[in-house]
Amino acid sequence: MDNIDNLTVVILTYKTNEKILSDCLDSIDSKVKVLIVENSKNYLFKENITKKYPGLNIIMTGKNFGYGKGNNFGITEVKTRYALILNPDVILEQDFFKKIDKYLDQKINFHIIGANYRNDSTWKSSGVFSEFDKRVKFNNEEKSNDDSLEVVDWVSGNAMLVDLKKFDTRNLFDENIFLYFEEFDLCRRVKSREGKIYSAKDLYVKHLGKKSSTENNRNLEFELLRNWHWMWSTFYYQKKYYGYFYAVYKTYGKLFRSIFYFFLYATLLNSEKRKIYSARTLGIINGILGKKSWYRVGSLFQ
């Protein structure tokens, strides 16, 4: 592997379970540079990880920036040409770096290359925008010069190889978004500039899903966070590309359904469901009012 010296793995964490992070780190080749961005000021977390992995580069953001801004924070510290943006709840297959090495030899012209999930039908690792929006269609007729690469519109941000030289800024992600649509938005901007995005048929990872932080464990707080931001980001994404009134048109049905179910579950005295639909309602309303993506764990119902 002659080219991995030009690669840095960037892992964004937020008080991540140490066992989950260790499994991720143990799957990374020891010769590869690793940069962990802890999205908090939890120095105990940093101390515990560096005890187990001496010399590991960990930087602290000081607060929870979310996926996009947190990764931007880390990418600005990367000194290599290539960065592998990796979620901490991902485990790389044993031959991952042997296979990724060929994509780092500068012979393949790409902006972003995504990995695939092994035998996982729950999550899509890549796709085309027209699956979700018929008005968006990019030219994917051009084939790559490598049979292991498939031309796609977008790839999942769980494991995403980026050629930083192809970008004129290290702020790759839209920092207005705290959660959801970040890589979708990035890939759309890349494709609109005729950039090259591929899915690698020979790069496989195991994605645990919703395990990137201690909050991501399907408890009520995570459900509130997830629902609020899904609605806010849905509105923001539509507004960004199609304008305010189109975003209202696309989300008003979701808004009224959320309000309906809020009152339904309030009547049925189902406190958990009531809070979830309240979070959905407030997410859309905050988007409509032009408010920032402000909601964090524990800040909605106190």
Protein backbone atom coordinates (compact mmCIF):
# COMPACT_ATOMS: atom_id res chain seq x y z
CA MET A 1 0.00 0.00 0.00
CA ASP A 2 2.04 2.87 -1.35
CA ASN A 3 -0.56 5.64 -1.32
CA ILE A 4 -2.21 5.59 2.11
CA ASP A 5 0.36 8.07 3.43
CA ASN A 6 -1.74 10.61 1.55
CA LEU A 7 -4.93 9.65 3.43
CA THR A 8 -6.38 10.84 6.75
CA VAL A 9 -9.40 9.19 8.36
CA VAL A 10 -11.67 11.79 10.00
CA ILE A 11 -14.04 10.43 12.65
CA LEU A 12 -16.62 12.74 14.21
CA THR A 13 -17.74 11.69 17.69
CA TYR A 14 -20.08 13.02 20.34
CA LYS A 15 -19.56 11.24 23.65
CA THR A 16 -19.50 8.04 21.63
CA ASN A 17 -19.58 4.71 23.40
CA GLU A 18 -15.93 3.72 23.83
CA LYS A 19 -16.51 0.09 22.79
CA ILE A 20 -18.17 1.20 19.54
CA LEU A 21 -15.36 3.65 18.80
CA SER A 22 -12.70 1.07 19.65
CA ASP A 23 -14.23 -1.42 17.21
CA CYS A 24 -14.07 1.26 14.53
CA LEU A 25 -10.46 2.24 15.33
CA ASP A 26 -9.33 -1.39 15.46
CA SER A 27 -10.59 -1.89 11.90
CA ILE A 28 -8.33 0.91 10.59
CA ASP A 29 -4.88 0.00 9.29
CA SER A 30 -2.21 1.10 11.76
CA LYS A 31 -0.30 2.93 9.00
CA VAL A 32 -3.20 5.29 8.29
CA LYS A 33 -3.45 8.73 9.90
CA VAL A 34 -6.54 9.13 12.07
CA LEU A 35 -8.09 12.36 13.33
CA ILE A 36 -10.94 12.22 15.83
CA VAL A 37 -13.12 15.30 16.20
CA GLU A 38 -14.98 15.20 19.52
CA ASN A 39 -18.07 17.39 19.17
CA SER A 40 -17.97 18.57 22.79
CA LYS A 41 -15.59 19.65 25.54
CA ASN A 42 -15.59 16.22 27.17
CA TYR A 43 -11.90 15.96 28.00
CA LEU A 44 -12.46 12.79 30.03
CA PHE A 45 -13.53 11.09 26.79
CA LYS A 46 -10.31 12.28 25.14
CA GLU A 47 -8.22 11.08 28.08
CA ASN A 48 -9.82 7.61 28.07
CA ILE A 49 -9.34 7.13 24.33
CA THR A 50 -5.73 8.34 24.26
CA LYS A 51 -4.88 5.94 27.10
CA LYS A 52 -5.91 3.05 24.88
CA TYR A 53 -4.54 4.57 21.65
CA PRO A 54 -1.43 6.62 22.53
CA GLY A 55 -0.51 9.19 19.95
CA LEU A 56 -4.02 9.31 18.48
CA ASN A 57 -4.85 12.82 17.27
CA ILE A 58 -8.03 14.08 18.98
CA ILE A 59 -9.31 17.65 18.69
CA MET A 60 -12.22 19.14 20.62
CA THR A 61 -14.80 21.48 19.11
CA GLY A 62 -15.93 22.72 22.53
CA LYS A 63 -19.62 22.28 21.68
CA ASN A 64 -21.89 20.07 19.59
CA PHE A 65 -21.60 21.44 16.04
CA GLY A 66 -23.54 18.62 14.40
CA TYR A 67 -22.36 16.43 11.52
CA GLY A 68 -21.59 19.07 8.89
CA LYS A 69 -19.83 21.76 10.90
CA GLY A 70 -18.07 19.16 13.04
CA ASN A 71 -16.59 17.45 9.99
CA ASN A 72 -15.66 20.81 8.47
CA PHE A 73 -13.83 21.59 11.72
CA GLY A 74 -11.79 18.40 11.34
CA ILE A 75 -11.18 18.66 7.60
CA THR A 76 -9.49 22.05 8.09
CA GLU A 77 -6.82 20.19 10.12
CA VAL A 78 -6.17 17.52 7.48
CA LYS A 79 -2.75 17.80 5.85
CA THR A 80 -3.17 15.01 3.28
CA ARG A 81 -4.81 15.24 -0.14
CA TYR A 82 -7.46 12.64 0.68
CA ALA A 83 -9.82 12.35 3.64
CA LEU A 84 -11.98 9.36 4.53
CA ILE A 85 -14.96 10.75 6.44
CA LEU A 86 -16.05 7.93 8.72
CA ASN A 87 -18.79 7.53 11.29
CA PRO A 88 -17.64 5.93 14.56
CA ASP A 89 -20.37 3.27 14.30
CA VAL A 90 -18.73 1.84 11.18
CA ILE A 91 -16.39 -1.17 11.01
CA LEU A 92 -14.20 -1.50 7.93
CA GLU A 93 -13.62 -4.87 6.30
CA GLN A 94 -10.17 -6.37 6.71
CA ASP A 95 -8.96 -5.60 3.18
CA PHE A 96 -10.52 -2.12 3.03
CA PHE A 97 -7.26 -0.16 2.94
CA LYS A 98 -5.59 -2.56 0.55
CA LYS A 99 -8.45 -1.89 -1.88
CA ILE A 100 -8.78 1.84 -1.25
CA ASP A 101 -5.08 2.32 -1.98
CA LYS A 102 -5.62 2.18 -5.75
CA TYR A 103 -8.05 5.12 -5.59
CA LEU A 104 -5.32 7.28 -4.08
CA ASP A 105 -2.83 7.01 -6.92
CA GLN A 106 -4.23 10.16 -8.63
CA LYS A 107 -5.05 8.25 -11.82
CA ILE A 108 -8.79 8.15 -11.07
CA ASN A 109 -10.58 11.47 -11.41
CA PHE A 110 -13.10 11.76 -8.58
CA HIS A 111 -14.50 14.18 -6.03
CA ILE A 112 -16.20 11.63 -3.76
CA ILE A 113 -16.19 7.83 -3.56
CA GLY A 114 -18.62 6.02 -1.26
CA ALA A 115 -18.43 2.55 0.29
CA ASN A 116 -21.08 -0.17 0.36
CA TYR A 117 -22.75 -2.15 3.13
CA ARG A 118 -22.29 -5.88 3.22
CA ASN A 119 -25.60 -7.77 3.24
CA ASP A 120 -27.53 -4.83 4.67
CA SER A 121 -30.89 -4.05 3.07
CA THR A 122 -31.92 -1.51 5.74
CA TRP A 123 -29.72 1.32 4.53
CA LYS A 124 -28.94 2.57 1.05
CA SER A 125 -25.29 3.44 0.54
CA SER A 126 -25.77 5.38 -2.71
CA GLY A 127 -28.33 6.35 -5.31
CA VAL A 128 -29.63 8.91 -7.78
CA PHE A 129 -31.56 12.07 -6.98
CA SER A 130 -34.37 11.27 -9.41
CA GLU A 131 -35.49 8.50 -7.04
CA PHE A 132 -36.67 11.25 -4.68
CA ASP A 133 -37.13 14.23 -6.99
CA LYS A 134 -38.03 13.69 -10.65
CA ARG A 135 -36.88 17.21 -11.53
CA VAL A 136 -33.28 16.43 -10.63
CA LYS A 137 -31.48 14.38 -13.24
CA PHE A 138 -27.74 14.40 -13.77
CA ASN A 139 -25.91 12.75 -16.62
CA ASN A 140 -24.69 9.39 -15.34
CA GLU A 141 -24.13 7.85 -18.77
CA GLU A 142 -20.39 8.38 -18.56
CA LYS A 143 -18.61 5.34 -17.18
CA SER A 144 -15.60 5.37 -14.89
CA ASN A 145 -12.26 4.03 -16.10
CA ASP A 146 -12.35 1.48 -13.30
CA ASP A 147 -14.83 -1.41 -13.36
CA SER A 148 -15.12 -1.35 -9.57
CA LEU A 149 -16.61 2.17 -9.60
CA GLU A 150 -20.28 2.87 -10.32
CA VAL A 151 -21.38 6.40 -11.28
CA VAL A 152 -23.99 7.69 -8.77
CA ASP A 153 -25.51 11.02 -7.68
CA TRP A 154 -24.97 10.64 -3.96
CA VAL A 155 -23.30 8.40 -1.39
CA SER A 156 -23.84 7.91 2.32
CA GLY A 157 -21.69 10.02 4.63
CA ASN A 158 -20.97 7.02 6.88
CA ALA A 159 -17.84 6.17 4.86
CA MET A 160 -16.95 8.70 2.20
CA LEU A 161 -13.58 9.19 0.48
CA VAL A 162 -13.00 12.81 -0.59
CA ASP A 163 -10.31 14.27 -2.81
CA LEU A 164 -9.81 17.59 -1.01
CA LYS A 165 -7.77 18.99 -3.90
CA LYS A 166 -10.97 19.12 -5.97
CA PHE A 167 -12.58 21.60 -3.58
CA ASP A 168 -11.74 25.29 -3.22
CA THR A 169 -12.73 25.26 0.45
CA ARG A 170 -12.42 22.92 3.42
CA ASN A 171 -15.96 23.83 4.51
CA LEU A 172 -17.48 21.06 2.43
CA PHE A 173 -20.77 20.78 4.29
CA ASP A 174 -23.54 23.34 4.70
CA GLU A 175 -23.17 24.39 8.34
CA ASN A 176 -26.78 25.57 8.57
CA ILE A 177 -27.77 21.90 8.76
CA PHE A 178 -27.27 20.21 12.12
CA LEU A 179 -28.62 16.78 11.22
CA TYR A 180 -29.88 15.08 8.00
CA PHE A 181 -29.35 15.92 4.31
CA GLU A 182 -25.71 17.02 4.83
CA GLU A 183 -24.04 14.59 2.44
CA PHE A 184 -27.10 14.69 0.15
CA ASP A 185 -26.66 18.45 -0.14
CA LEU A 186 -22.89 18.18 -0.65
CA CYS A 187 -23.25 15.60 -3.40
CA ARG A 188 -25.89 17.66 -5.15
CA ARG A 189 -23.58 20.68 -5.23
CA VAL A 190 -20.73 18.53 -6.54
CA LYS A 191 -22.88 17.01 -9.30
CA SER A 192 -24.26 20.41 -10.31
CA ARG A 193 -20.65 21.43 -11.06
CA GLU A 194 -20.12 18.24 -13.08
CA GLY A 195 -18.05 16.68 -10.33
CA LYS A 196 -17.40 12.94 -10.20
CA ILE A 197 -19.15 10.82 -7.56
CA TYR A 198 -18.77 7.05 -7.47
CA SER A 199 -19.80 4.09 -5.38
CA ALA A 200 -16.97 1.59 -4.95
CA LYS A 201 -18.12 -1.98 -5.48
CA ASP A 202 -15.09 -3.36 -3.63
CA LEU A 203 -15.13 -1.16 -0.50
CA TYR A 204 -17.32 -2.67 2.19
CA VAL A 205 -18.16 -1.56 5.70
CA LYS A 206 -20.43 -2.73 8.47
CA HIS A 207 -22.68 0.09 9.67
CA LEU A 208 -24.24 -0.38 13.10
CA GLY A 209 -26.63 2.56 12.64
CA LYS A 210 -27.69 5.25 15.14
CA LYS A 211 -24.71 4.49 17.41
CA SER A 212 -22.50 7.49 16.70
CA SER A 213 -23.22 9.11 20.05
CA THR A 214 -24.45 8.08 23.47
CA GLU A 215 -27.78 9.73 22.69
CA ASN A 216 -28.33 7.65 19.57
CA ASN A 217 -29.90 4.67 21.29
CA ARG A 218 -33.58 4.89 20.30
CA ASN A 219 -34.60 6.52 23.59
CA LEU A 220 -37.19 9.29 23.69
CA GLU A 221 -34.66 12.10 23.63
CA PHE A 222 -33.14 10.78 20.44
CA GLU A 223 -36.57 10.36 18.87
CA LEU A 224 -37.37 14.00 19.65
CA LEU A 225 -34.04 15.13 18.20
CA ARG A 226 -34.44 12.96 15.12
CA ASN A 227 -38.00 14.05 14.37
CA TRP A 228 -37.38 17.77 14.98
CA HIS A 229 -34.34 17.88 12.72
CA TRP A 230 -35.79 15.65 10.01
CA MET A 231 -38.65 18.10 9.59
CA TRP A 232 -36.49 21.22 9.87
CA SER A 233 -33.91 19.88 7.41
CA THR A 234 -36.60 18.73 4.97
CA PHE A 235 -37.98 22.27 4.84
CA TYR A 236 -34.52 23.85 4.64
CA TYR A 237 -33.39 21.58 1.80
CA GLN A 238 -36.50 22.29 -0.25
CA LYS A 239 -36.19 26.03 0.40
CA LYS A 240 -32.50 26.04 -0.53
CA TYR A 241 -33.06 24.54 -3.97
CA TYR A 242 -36.63 25.55 -4.86
CA GLY A 243 -37.52 28.58 -2.78
CA TYR A 244 -39.58 29.36 0.30
CA PHE A 245 -43.08 28.91 -1.11
CA TYR A 246 -42.25 25.57 -2.71
CA ALA A 247 -40.86 24.36 0.62
CA VAL A 248 -44.14 25.36 2.29
CA TYR A 249 -46.05 23.51 -0.43
CA LYS A 250 -43.96 20.35 0.05
CA THR A 251 -44.22 20.30 3.84
CA TYR A 252 -47.64 21.68 4.74
CA GLY A 253 -49.13 18.17 4.61
CA LYS A 254 -46.52 16.93 7.08
CA LEU A 255 -47.25 19.91 9.30
CA PHE A 256 -51.00 19.31 9.47
CA ARG A 257 -50.55 15.57 9.99
CA SER A 258 -48.15 16.27 12.86
CA ILE A 259 -50.62 18.69 14.45
CA PHE A 260 -53.43 16.15 14.05
CA TYR A 261 -51.46 13.36 15.70
CA PHE A 262 -50.27 15.70 18.44
CA PHE A 263 -53.88 16.36 19.50
CA LEU A 264 -54.85 12.72 18.96
CA TYR A 265 -52.16 11.42 21.31
CA ALA A 266 -52.80 14.24 23.77
CA THR A 267 -56.43 13.06 23.91
CA LEU A 268 -55.30 9.45 24.32
CA LEU A 269 -52.92 10.54 27.12
CA ASN A 270 -49.95 9.03 25.27
CA SER A 271 -47.24 11.39 26.48
CA GLU A 272 -44.40 9.87 24.44
CA LYS A 273 -46.19 10.03 21.09
CA ARG A 274 -47.51 13.50 21.91
CA LYS A 275 -43.96 14.77 22.46
CA ILE A 276 -42.70 13.17 19.26
CA TYR A 277 -45.39 14.82 17.15
CA SER A 278 -44.84 18.06 18.97
CA ALA A 279 -41.17 17.85 17.97
CA ARG A 280 -42.14 17.20 14.33
CA THR A 281 -44.55 20.14 14.35
CA LEU A 282 -42.03 22.50 15.90
CA GLY A 283 -39.32 21.40 13.48
CA ILE A 284 -41.40 22.45 10.47
CA ILE A 285 -42.65 25.64 12.13
CA ASN A 286 -39.10 26.71 12.98
CA GLY A 287 -38.13 26.12 9.36
CA ILE A 288 -41.08 28.15 8.09
CA LEU A 289 -40.21 31.00 10.46
CA GLY A 290 -36.61 30.98 9.24
CA LYS A 291 -35.19 29.96 12.63
CA LYS A 292 -31.83 28.25 12.84
CA SER A 293 -31.53 24.53 13.44
CA TRP A 294 -31.25 25.11 17.19
CA TYR A 295 -32.71 22.05 18.89
CA ARG A 296 -30.29 19.85 20.86
CA VAL A 297 -30.83 16.87 23.15
CA GLY A 298 -32.62 17.87 26.33
CA SER A 299 -33.53 21.38 25.19
CA LEU A 300 -37.11 20.91 24.00
CA PHE A 301 -39.16 19.71 26.95
CA GLN A 302 -37.63 20.92 30.22
